[in-house]
């Protein structure tokens, strides 16, 4: 079975029509509807291509759509769906040249973290395999550590890495 990779995508645009279109595309998909995810981005006649998408499959796990900001949590197999995300960025820009997309992600076995950014100035994804070691409750008990506190520390460290990767992606795209 493939390791799951989560991509938490935030899309910002002042055009409410863009967010409505995202809702139309992704808001009511059944859980394992890979075709429903890729079809609006690559087209109805497109044949699934792992190299173009960047992963074995991609689905929507969760989504929320607003008037100026939308959130979509994609799940893919083995690798970030970087080709899909880059193409999604292009599709968004065709609807609103001022739209931006940012995302953070991780993989279930903690092999890597990533983040990225897209705008009219480009698209960039940064990855890191320097991932903090996950805390296990049994280990905390053996070492006399507070599991909840150690878990909070783990997620703070992951957030710091995500923020650093995202900031580097923005810098690469926007040039600052």
N, C-alpha and C. Protein backbone atom coordinates (compact mmCIF):
# COMPACT_ATOMS: atom_id res chain seq x y z
N UNK A 1 0.84 -1.18 0.00
CA UNK A 1 0.00 0.00 0.00
C UNK A 1 0.89 1.25 0.00
N UNK A 2 0.48 2.22 -0.74
CA UNK A 2 1.24 3.46 -0.87
C UNK A 2 1.16 4.30 0.40
N UNK A 3 2.26 4.97 0.71
CA UNK A 3 2.22 5.94 1.79
C UNK A 3 1.42 7.15 1.35
N UNK A 4 0.64 7.66 2.26
CA UNK A 4 -0.18 8.84 1.97
C UNK A 4 0.64 10.11 2.15
N UNK A 5 0.42 11.06 1.26
CA UNK A 5 1.08 12.35 1.30
C UNK A 5 -0.02 13.42 1.28
N UNK A 6 -0.01 14.29 2.28
CA UNK A 6 -1.04 15.32 2.37
C UNK A 6 -0.52 16.66 1.91
N UNK A 7 -1.35 17.35 1.13
CA UNK A 7 -1.06 18.68 0.62
C UNK A 7 -2.19 19.60 1.06
N UNK A 8 -1.90 20.48 2.00
CA UNK A 8 -2.89 21.42 2.52
C UNK A 8 -2.74 22.73 1.74
N UNK A 9 -3.68 22.97 0.84
CA UNK A 9 -3.58 24.06 -0.13
C UNK A 9 -4.51 25.20 0.27
N UNK A 10 -3.97 26.41 0.27
CA UNK A 10 -4.77 27.62 0.49
C UNK A 10 -4.71 28.45 -0.79
N UNK A 11 -5.89 28.81 -1.30
CA UNK A 11 -6.00 29.60 -2.51
C UNK A 11 -6.63 30.93 -2.15
N UNK A 12 -5.95 32.00 -2.54
CA UNK A 12 -6.46 33.35 -2.27
C UNK A 12 -6.75 34.06 -3.57
N UNK A 13 -7.94 34.66 -3.63
CA UNK A 13 -8.37 35.42 -4.80
C UNK A 13 -9.54 36.29 -4.37
N UNK A 14 -9.56 37.51 -4.87
CA UNK A 14 -10.67 38.41 -4.59
C UNK A 14 -11.90 38.09 -5.44
N UNK A 15 -11.76 37.17 -6.38
CA UNK A 15 -12.87 36.82 -7.27
C UNK A 15 -13.65 35.64 -6.69
N UNK A 16 -14.84 35.92 -6.18
CA UNK A 16 -15.65 34.87 -5.56
C UNK A 16 -16.01 33.79 -6.58
N UNK A 17 -16.05 34.14 -7.88
CA UNK A 17 -16.37 33.15 -8.91
C UNK A 17 -15.32 32.04 -8.94
N UNK A 18 -14.07 32.37 -8.69
CA UNK A 18 -13.01 31.38 -8.66
C UNK A 18 -13.27 30.37 -7.55
N UNK A 19 -13.64 30.85 -6.39
CA UNK A 19 -13.90 29.98 -5.25
C UNK A 19 -15.15 29.13 -5.49
N UNK A 20 -16.13 29.71 -6.15
CA UNK A 20 -17.33 28.95 -6.49
C UNK A 20 -16.99 27.83 -7.46
N UNK A 21 -16.11 28.11 -8.42
CA UNK A 21 -15.69 27.09 -9.39
C UNK A 21 -14.94 25.96 -8.67
N UNK A 22 -14.08 26.30 -7.73
CA UNK A 22 -13.39 25.27 -6.95
C UNK A 22 -14.39 24.40 -6.19
N UNK A 23 -15.39 25.04 -5.61
CA UNK A 23 -16.44 24.31 -4.90
C UNK A 23 -17.19 23.38 -5.87
N UNK A 24 -17.50 23.90 -7.06
CA UNK A 24 -18.18 23.08 -8.07
C UNK A 24 -17.33 21.85 -8.42
N UNK A 25 -16.03 22.05 -8.56
CA UNK A 25 -15.14 20.96 -8.95
C UNK A 25 -14.90 19.96 -7.84
N UNK A 26 -14.59 20.46 -6.65
CA UNK A 26 -14.07 19.59 -5.60
C UNK A 26 -14.99 19.43 -4.38
N UNK A 27 -16.01 20.26 -4.25
CA UNK A 27 -16.80 20.30 -3.03
C UNK A 27 -17.66 19.09 -2.75
N UNK A 28 -18.07 18.36 -3.77
CA UNK A 28 -18.97 17.24 -3.52
C UNK A 28 -18.45 15.91 -4.10
N UNK A 29 -17.14 15.82 -4.27
CA UNK A 29 -16.56 14.58 -4.79
C UNK A 29 -16.67 13.46 -3.76
N UNK A 30 -16.86 12.26 -4.24
CA UNK A 30 -16.79 11.10 -3.37
C UNK A 30 -15.32 10.92 -2.98
N UNK A 31 -15.07 10.24 -1.88
CA UNK A 31 -13.73 10.18 -1.30
C UNK A 31 -12.64 9.72 -2.26
N UNK A 32 -12.85 8.67 -3.00
CA UNK A 32 -11.79 8.12 -3.84
C UNK A 32 -11.93 8.49 -5.31
N UNK A 33 -12.47 9.64 -5.61
CA UNK A 33 -12.72 10.06 -6.99
C UNK A 33 -11.50 10.74 -7.59
N UNK A 34 -10.53 9.94 -8.00
CA UNK A 34 -9.30 10.47 -8.60
C UNK A 34 -9.62 11.21 -9.89
N UNK A 35 -10.45 10.60 -10.73
CA UNK A 35 -10.81 11.21 -12.01
C UNK A 35 -11.47 12.58 -11.78
N UNK A 36 -12.34 12.67 -10.78
CA UNK A 36 -13.01 13.93 -10.47
C UNK A 36 -12.06 15.02 -10.03
N UNK A 37 -10.92 14.65 -9.45
CA UNK A 37 -9.93 15.63 -9.02
C UNK A 37 -9.12 16.13 -10.21
N UNK A 38 -8.65 15.23 -11.05
CA UNK A 38 -7.74 15.64 -12.13
C UNK A 38 -8.46 16.19 -13.35
N UNK A 39 -9.69 15.76 -13.60
CA UNK A 39 -10.39 16.17 -14.82
C UNK A 39 -10.55 17.68 -14.97
N UNK A 40 -10.96 18.42 -13.92
CA UNK A 40 -11.09 19.87 -14.10
C UNK A 40 -9.77 20.58 -14.39
N UNK A 41 -8.67 19.97 -13.99
CA UNK A 41 -7.36 20.60 -14.13
C UNK A 41 -6.70 20.21 -15.45
N UNK A 42 -6.77 18.95 -15.81
CA UNK A 42 -6.08 18.46 -17.02
C UNK A 42 -7.02 18.26 -18.21
N UNK A 43 -8.34 18.26 -17.99
CA UNK A 43 -9.29 18.10 -19.09
C UNK A 43 -9.93 16.72 -19.11
N UNK A 44 -11.10 16.65 -19.72
CA UNK A 44 -11.89 15.40 -19.74
C UNK A 44 -11.23 14.30 -20.55
N UNK A 45 -10.53 14.62 -21.59
CA UNK A 45 -9.94 13.60 -22.46
C UNK A 45 -8.54 13.17 -22.02
N UNK A 46 -8.04 13.77 -20.98
CA UNK A 46 -6.69 13.50 -20.51
C UNK A 46 -6.63 12.10 -19.88
N UNK A 47 -5.60 11.36 -20.19
CA UNK A 47 -5.37 10.04 -19.59
C UNK A 47 -4.39 10.22 -18.43
N UNK A 48 -4.70 9.61 -17.30
CA UNK A 48 -3.90 9.78 -16.10
C UNK A 48 -2.44 9.45 -16.38
N UNK A 49 -1.57 10.37 -16.02
CA UNK A 49 -0.14 10.24 -16.24
C UNK A 49 0.57 10.55 -14.93
N UNK A 50 1.15 9.54 -14.32
CA UNK A 50 1.82 9.70 -13.03
C UNK A 50 2.92 10.76 -13.10
N UNK A 51 3.65 10.80 -14.21
CA UNK A 51 4.72 11.80 -14.35
C UNK A 51 4.16 13.22 -14.38
N UNK A 52 3.02 13.42 -15.02
CA UNK A 52 2.42 14.76 -15.10
C UNK A 52 1.83 15.18 -13.76
N UNK A 53 1.20 14.26 -13.05
CA UNK A 53 0.56 14.58 -11.77
C UNK A 53 1.61 14.66 -10.67
N UNK A 54 2.59 13.77 -10.71
CA UNK A 54 3.62 13.74 -9.69
C UNK A 54 3.39 12.68 -8.64
N UNK A 55 2.27 11.96 -8.75
CA UNK A 55 1.96 10.91 -7.78
C UNK A 55 1.10 9.85 -8.45
N UNK A 56 1.01 8.72 -7.76
CA UNK A 56 0.28 7.57 -8.28
C UNK A 56 -1.22 7.86 -8.38
N UNK A 57 -1.75 8.63 -7.44
CA UNK A 57 -3.14 9.06 -7.43
C UNK A 57 -3.27 10.30 -6.56
N UNK A 58 -4.41 10.98 -6.66
CA UNK A 58 -4.68 12.15 -5.82
C UNK A 58 -6.19 12.23 -5.58
N UNK A 59 -6.55 12.51 -4.34
CA UNK A 59 -7.95 12.67 -3.96
C UNK A 59 -8.09 13.92 -3.08
N UNK A 60 -9.33 14.33 -2.87
CA UNK A 60 -9.63 15.42 -1.94
C UNK A 60 -10.12 14.79 -0.64
N UNK A 61 -9.48 15.15 0.47
CA UNK A 61 -9.91 14.64 1.78
C UNK A 61 -10.83 15.62 2.50
N UNK A 62 -10.60 16.90 2.28
CA UNK A 62 -11.35 17.92 3.01
C UNK A 62 -11.26 19.22 2.23
N UNK A 63 -12.29 20.04 2.31
CA UNK A 63 -12.22 21.33 1.62
C UNK A 63 -13.22 22.31 2.23
N UNK A 64 -12.87 23.58 2.15
CA UNK A 64 -13.72 24.68 2.61
C UNK A 64 -13.54 25.82 1.61
N UNK A 65 -14.66 26.38 1.17
CA UNK A 65 -14.60 27.43 0.15
C UNK A 65 -15.24 28.70 0.69
N UNK A 66 -14.52 29.82 0.52
CA UNK A 66 -15.02 31.11 0.96
C UNK A 66 -15.13 32.05 -0.22
N UNK A 67 -15.29 33.33 0.06
CA UNK A 67 -15.40 34.33 -1.01
C UNK A 67 -14.03 34.83 -1.47
N UNK A 68 -13.03 34.80 -0.57
CA UNK A 68 -11.70 35.29 -0.93
C UNK A 68 -10.59 34.27 -0.65
N UNK A 69 -10.93 33.21 0.09
CA UNK A 69 -9.93 32.20 0.43
C UNK A 69 -10.59 30.83 0.47
N UNK A 70 -9.92 29.86 -0.12
CA UNK A 70 -10.40 28.48 -0.09
C UNK A 70 -9.29 27.57 0.37
N UNK A 71 -9.67 26.46 0.99
CA UNK A 71 -8.73 25.49 1.54
C UNK A 71 -9.10 24.12 1.00
N UNK A 72 -8.12 23.40 0.48
CA UNK A 72 -8.34 22.04 0.00
C UNK A 72 -7.20 21.17 0.52
N UNK A 73 -7.56 20.07 1.17
CA UNK A 73 -6.57 19.10 1.63
C UNK A 73 -6.59 17.93 0.64
N UNK A 74 -5.56 17.87 -0.19
CA UNK A 74 -5.41 16.77 -1.13
C UNK A 74 -4.58 15.68 -0.47
N UNK A 75 -4.83 14.45 -0.86
CA UNK A 75 -4.02 13.31 -0.42
C UNK A 75 -3.57 12.59 -1.68
N UNK A 76 -2.28 12.29 -1.73
CA UNK A 76 -1.73 11.58 -2.89
C UNK A 76 -0.91 10.40 -2.39
N UNK A 77 -0.37 9.63 -3.35
CA UNK A 77 0.40 8.45 -3.00
C UNK A 77 1.89 8.65 -3.29
N UNK A 78 2.70 8.30 -2.31
CA UNK A 78 4.15 8.23 -2.39
C UNK A 78 4.87 9.57 -2.47
N UNK A 79 4.30 10.53 -3.16
CA UNK A 79 5.03 11.77 -3.48
C UNK A 79 4.03 12.91 -3.54
N UNK A 80 4.47 14.15 -3.27
CA UNK A 80 3.58 15.28 -3.49
C UNK A 80 3.11 15.28 -4.95
N UNK A 81 1.88 15.66 -5.15
CA UNK A 81 1.34 15.77 -6.51
C UNK A 81 1.79 17.11 -7.09
N UNK A 82 3.11 17.29 -7.21
CA UNK A 82 3.67 18.58 -7.60
C UNK A 82 3.26 19.01 -9.00
N UNK A 83 3.18 18.08 -9.94
CA UNK A 83 2.72 18.43 -11.28
C UNK A 83 1.27 18.88 -11.28
N UNK A 84 0.45 18.21 -10.50
CA UNK A 84 -0.95 18.60 -10.35
C UNK A 84 -1.05 19.99 -9.75
N UNK A 85 -0.30 20.23 -8.67
CA UNK A 85 -0.36 21.53 -8.01
C UNK A 85 0.11 22.66 -8.93
N UNK A 86 1.15 22.40 -9.70
CA UNK A 86 1.63 23.42 -10.64
C UNK A 86 0.59 23.70 -11.72
N UNK A 87 -0.06 22.65 -12.20
CA UNK A 87 -1.11 22.85 -13.21
C UNK A 87 -2.34 23.53 -12.60
N UNK A 88 -2.68 23.18 -11.35
CA UNK A 88 -3.77 23.86 -10.64
C UNK A 88 -3.46 25.35 -10.55
N UNK A 89 -2.23 25.69 -10.24
CA UNK A 89 -1.82 27.10 -10.18
C UNK A 89 -2.09 27.79 -11.51
N UNK A 90 -1.74 27.15 -12.62
CA UNK A 90 -1.97 27.73 -13.96
C UNK A 90 -3.45 27.92 -14.24
N UNK A 91 -4.25 26.94 -13.85
CA UNK A 91 -5.71 27.04 -14.06
C UNK A 91 -6.28 28.19 -13.24
N UNK A 92 -5.82 28.33 -12.01
CA UNK A 92 -6.28 29.44 -11.15
C UNK A 92 -5.91 30.78 -11.76
N UNK A 93 -4.70 30.89 -12.26
CA UNK A 93 -4.24 32.15 -12.84
C UNK A 93 -5.02 32.50 -14.11
N UNK A 94 -5.49 31.49 -14.83
CA UNK A 94 -6.32 31.75 -16.01
C UNK A 94 -7.66 32.37 -15.61
N UNK A 95 -8.11 32.07 -14.38
CA UNK A 95 -9.36 32.64 -13.88
C UNK A 95 -9.14 33.99 -13.18
N UNK A 96 -7.98 34.17 -12.58
CA UNK A 96 -7.65 35.41 -11.87
C UNK A 96 -6.13 35.55 -11.84
N UNK A 97 -5.61 36.47 -12.62
CA UNK A 97 -4.15 36.63 -12.70
C UNK A 97 -3.52 37.04 -11.38
N UNK A 98 -4.32 37.48 -10.42
CA UNK A 98 -3.79 37.89 -9.12
C UNK A 98 -3.97 36.83 -8.04
N UNK A 99 -4.46 35.67 -8.42
CA UNK A 99 -4.66 34.59 -7.44
C UNK A 99 -3.30 34.10 -6.95
N UNK A 100 -3.28 33.61 -5.73
CA UNK A 100 -2.08 32.97 -5.18
C UNK A 100 -2.48 31.64 -4.55
N UNK A 101 -1.51 30.76 -4.50
CA UNK A 101 -1.73 29.45 -3.91
C UNK A 101 -0.52 29.12 -3.04
N UNK A 102 -0.77 28.72 -1.82
CA UNK A 102 0.31 28.27 -0.94
C UNK A 102 -0.09 26.91 -0.39
N UNK A 103 0.92 26.11 -0.05
CA UNK A 103 0.61 24.80 0.48
C UNK A 103 1.76 24.29 1.34
N UNK A 104 1.38 23.43 2.28
CA UNK A 104 2.35 22.69 3.08
C UNK A 104 1.96 21.23 3.01
N UNK A 105 2.92 20.36 3.26
CA UNK A 105 2.60 18.94 3.19
C UNK A 105 3.58 18.06 3.92
N UNK A 106 3.13 16.85 4.13
CA UNK A 106 3.94 15.85 4.80
C UNK A 106 3.51 14.46 4.36
N UNK A 107 4.33 13.50 4.75
CA UNK A 107 4.11 12.11 4.38
C UNK A 107 3.99 11.29 5.65
N UNK A 108 3.16 10.27 5.62
CA UNK A 108 2.79 9.57 6.84
C UNK A 108 3.95 8.90 7.58
N UNK A 109 5.00 8.53 6.90
CA UNK A 109 6.12 7.91 7.61
C UNK A 109 7.18 8.93 8.01
N UNK A 110 6.87 10.20 7.83
CA UNK A 110 7.76 11.29 8.23
C UNK A 110 9.09 11.27 7.49
N UNK A 111 9.08 10.84 6.23
CA UNK A 111 10.30 10.85 5.44
C UNK A 111 10.63 12.22 4.89
N UNK A 112 9.61 13.06 4.70
CA UNK A 112 9.86 14.39 4.16
C UNK A 112 8.73 15.35 4.50
N UNK A 113 9.07 16.62 4.45
CA UNK A 113 8.11 17.73 4.57
C UNK A 113 8.30 18.59 3.34
N UNK A 114 7.27 19.34 2.98
CA UNK A 114 7.39 20.22 1.83
C UNK A 114 6.41 21.38 1.96
N UNK A 115 6.67 22.39 1.17
CA UNK A 115 5.78 23.55 1.10
C UNK A 115 6.03 24.22 -0.24
N UNK A 116 5.07 25.00 -0.69
CA UNK A 116 5.24 25.67 -1.97
C UNK A 116 4.31 26.84 -2.13
N UNK A 117 4.53 27.55 -3.22
CA UNK A 117 3.81 28.78 -3.47
C UNK A 117 3.69 28.97 -4.98
N UNK A 118 2.55 29.51 -5.40
CA UNK A 118 2.36 29.83 -6.80
C UNK A 118 1.64 31.15 -6.96
N UNK A 119 2.04 31.90 -7.96
CA UNK A 119 1.40 33.17 -8.31
C UNK A 119 1.67 33.42 -9.79
N UNK A 120 1.29 34.59 -10.27
CA UNK A 120 1.56 34.92 -11.67
C UNK A 120 3.06 34.99 -11.96
N UNK A 121 3.86 35.07 -10.91
CA UNK A 121 5.31 35.14 -11.07
C UNK A 121 5.99 33.78 -11.10
N UNK A 122 5.20 32.71 -10.93
CA UNK A 122 5.78 31.37 -11.02
C UNK A 122 5.25 30.42 -9.96
N UNK A 123 5.91 29.29 -9.89
CA UNK A 123 5.53 28.22 -8.97
C UNK A 123 6.82 27.60 -8.44
N UNK A 124 6.84 27.34 -7.13
CA UNK A 124 8.03 26.73 -6.55
C UNK A 124 7.63 25.84 -5.38
N UNK A 125 8.28 24.69 -5.29
CA UNK A 125 8.08 23.75 -4.19
C UNK A 125 9.43 23.45 -3.56
N UNK A 126 9.48 23.51 -2.25
CA UNK A 126 10.68 23.17 -1.48
C UNK A 126 10.40 21.92 -0.66
N UNK A 127 11.37 21.01 -0.61
CA UNK A 127 11.23 19.78 0.19
C UNK A 127 12.39 19.68 1.16
N UNK A 128 12.12 18.97 2.26
CA UNK A 128 13.17 18.70 3.24
C UNK A 128 13.00 17.27 3.75
N UNK A 129 14.10 16.55 3.83
CA UNK A 129 14.06 15.22 4.44
C UNK A 129 14.61 15.27 5.87
N UNK A 130 14.85 16.49 6.36
CA UNK A 130 15.29 16.69 7.73
C UNK A 130 14.04 16.86 8.60
N UNK A 131 13.42 15.75 8.95
CA UNK A 131 12.14 15.74 9.65
C UNK A 131 12.38 15.32 11.10
N UNK A 132 11.78 16.03 12.04
CA UNK A 132 11.95 15.63 13.44
C UNK A 132 11.36 14.23 13.67
N UNK A 133 11.96 13.53 14.62
CA UNK A 133 11.48 12.18 14.93
C UNK A 133 10.16 12.26 15.68
N UNK A 134 9.20 11.49 15.22
CA UNK A 134 7.88 11.46 15.85
C UNK A 134 8.00 10.91 17.27
N UNK A 135 7.20 11.45 18.13
CA UNK A 135 7.17 11.06 19.54
C UNK A 135 6.16 9.93 19.71
N UNK A 136 6.55 8.91 20.46
CA UNK A 136 5.65 7.80 20.74
C UNK A 136 5.35 7.77 22.24
N UNK A 137 4.11 7.52 22.56
CA UNK A 137 3.67 7.55 23.95
C UNK A 137 4.47 6.59 24.83
N UNK A 138 4.74 5.38 24.32
CA UNK A 138 5.48 4.39 25.11
C UNK A 138 6.89 4.90 25.45
N UNK A 139 7.53 5.54 24.47
CA UNK A 139 8.87 6.08 24.70
C UNK A 139 8.85 7.18 25.76
N UNK A 140 7.83 8.02 25.70
CA UNK A 140 7.72 9.10 26.70
C UNK A 140 7.56 8.51 28.09
N UNK A 141 6.73 7.47 28.20
CA UNK A 141 6.53 6.83 29.50
C UNK A 141 7.85 6.25 30.02
N UNK A 142 8.59 5.58 29.13
CA UNK A 142 9.86 4.98 29.52
C UNK A 142 10.88 6.02 29.96
N UNK A 143 10.85 7.19 29.31
CA UNK A 143 11.83 8.24 29.60
C UNK A 143 11.32 9.27 30.60
N UNK A 144 10.09 9.10 31.08
CA UNK A 144 9.54 10.02 32.07
C UNK A 144 9.17 11.38 31.49
N UNK A 145 8.82 11.42 30.21
CA UNK A 145 8.46 12.67 29.54
C UNK A 145 6.94 12.79 29.42
N UNK A 146 6.47 14.02 29.40
CA UNK A 146 5.05 14.28 29.21
C UNK A 146 4.71 14.14 27.72
N UNK A 147 3.91 13.15 27.37
CA UNK A 147 3.59 12.85 25.97
C UNK A 147 2.93 14.03 25.27
N UNK A 148 1.96 14.67 25.92
CA UNK A 148 1.27 15.81 25.29
C UNK A 148 2.23 16.95 25.01
N UNK A 149 3.10 17.25 25.95
CA UNK A 149 4.08 18.32 25.78
C UNK A 149 5.06 17.99 24.65
N UNK A 150 5.53 16.76 24.62
CA UNK A 150 6.47 16.33 23.58
C UNK A 150 5.80 16.34 22.20
N UNK A 151 4.52 15.98 22.14
CA UNK A 151 3.76 16.02 20.88
C UNK A 151 3.62 17.45 20.40
N UNK A 152 3.29 18.36 21.34
CA UNK A 152 3.20 19.78 20.98
C UNK A 152 4.54 20.29 20.44
N UNK A 153 5.64 19.90 21.08
CA UNK A 153 6.96 20.31 20.62
C UNK A 153 7.25 19.78 19.22
N UNK A 154 6.87 18.52 18.97
CA UNK A 154 7.06 17.93 17.64
C UNK A 154 6.33 18.74 16.58
N UNK A 155 5.06 19.03 16.82
CA UNK A 155 4.28 19.77 15.82
C UNK A 155 4.73 21.21 15.66
N UNK A 156 5.23 21.83 16.72
CA UNK A 156 5.82 23.17 16.60
C UNK A 156 7.05 23.13 15.70
N UNK A 157 7.87 22.11 15.86
CA UNK A 157 9.06 21.98 15.03
C UNK A 157 8.67 21.74 13.56
N UNK A 158 7.67 20.90 13.33
CA UNK A 158 7.17 20.66 11.97
C UNK A 158 6.63 21.97 11.38
N UNK A 159 5.86 22.71 12.16
CA UNK A 159 5.34 24.01 11.68
C UNK A 159 6.47 24.96 11.32
N UNK A 160 7.51 25.00 12.14
CA UNK A 160 8.66 25.87 11.85
C UNK A 160 9.31 25.49 10.52
N UNK A 161 9.46 24.19 10.28
CA UNK A 161 10.06 23.73 9.02
C UNK A 161 9.15 24.08 7.86
N UNK A 162 7.84 23.83 8.00
CA UNK A 162 6.89 24.20 6.94
C UNK A 162 6.98 25.69 6.63
N UNK A 163 7.00 26.51 7.67
CA UNK A 163 7.07 27.97 7.46
C UNK A 163 8.35 28.37 6.75
N UNK A 164 9.46 27.75 7.12
CA UNK A 164 10.73 28.04 6.46
C UNK A 164 10.68 27.64 4.99
N UNK A 165 10.15 26.47 4.70
CA UNK A 165 10.04 26.00 3.31
C UNK A 165 9.10 26.90 2.50
N UNK A 166 7.99 27.30 3.12
CA UNK A 166 7.04 28.18 2.43
C UNK A 166 7.66 29.54 2.17
N UNK A 167 8.35 30.09 3.16
CA UNK A 167 9.01 31.39 2.96
C UNK A 167 10.05 31.33 1.85
N UNK A 168 10.79 30.23 1.78
CA UNK A 168 11.78 30.07 0.71
C UNK A 168 11.09 29.97 -0.65
N UNK A 169 9.96 29.28 -0.70
CA UNK A 169 9.21 29.17 -1.95
C UNK A 169 8.70 30.54 -2.41
N UNK A 170 8.16 31.30 -1.48
CA UNK A 170 7.68 32.66 -1.81
C UNK A 170 8.84 33.50 -2.32
N UNK A 171 9.96 33.41 -1.65
CA UNK A 171 11.15 34.15 -2.05
C UNK A 171 11.59 33.77 -3.46
N UNK A 172 11.57 32.48 -3.77
CA UNK A 172 11.96 32.02 -5.10
C UNK A 172 11.01 32.52 -6.17
N UNK A 173 9.71 32.59 -5.86
CA UNK A 173 8.72 33.04 -6.85
C UNK A 173 8.68 34.55 -6.95
N UNK A 174 8.61 35.21 -5.83
CA UNK A 174 8.42 36.66 -5.83
C UNK A 174 9.72 37.44 -5.85
N UNK A 175 10.82 36.76 -5.59
CA UNK A 175 12.12 37.41 -5.67
C UNK A 175 12.49 38.24 -4.45
N UNK A 176 11.86 37.99 -3.33
CA UNK A 176 12.23 38.67 -2.08
C UNK A 176 12.13 37.76 -0.90
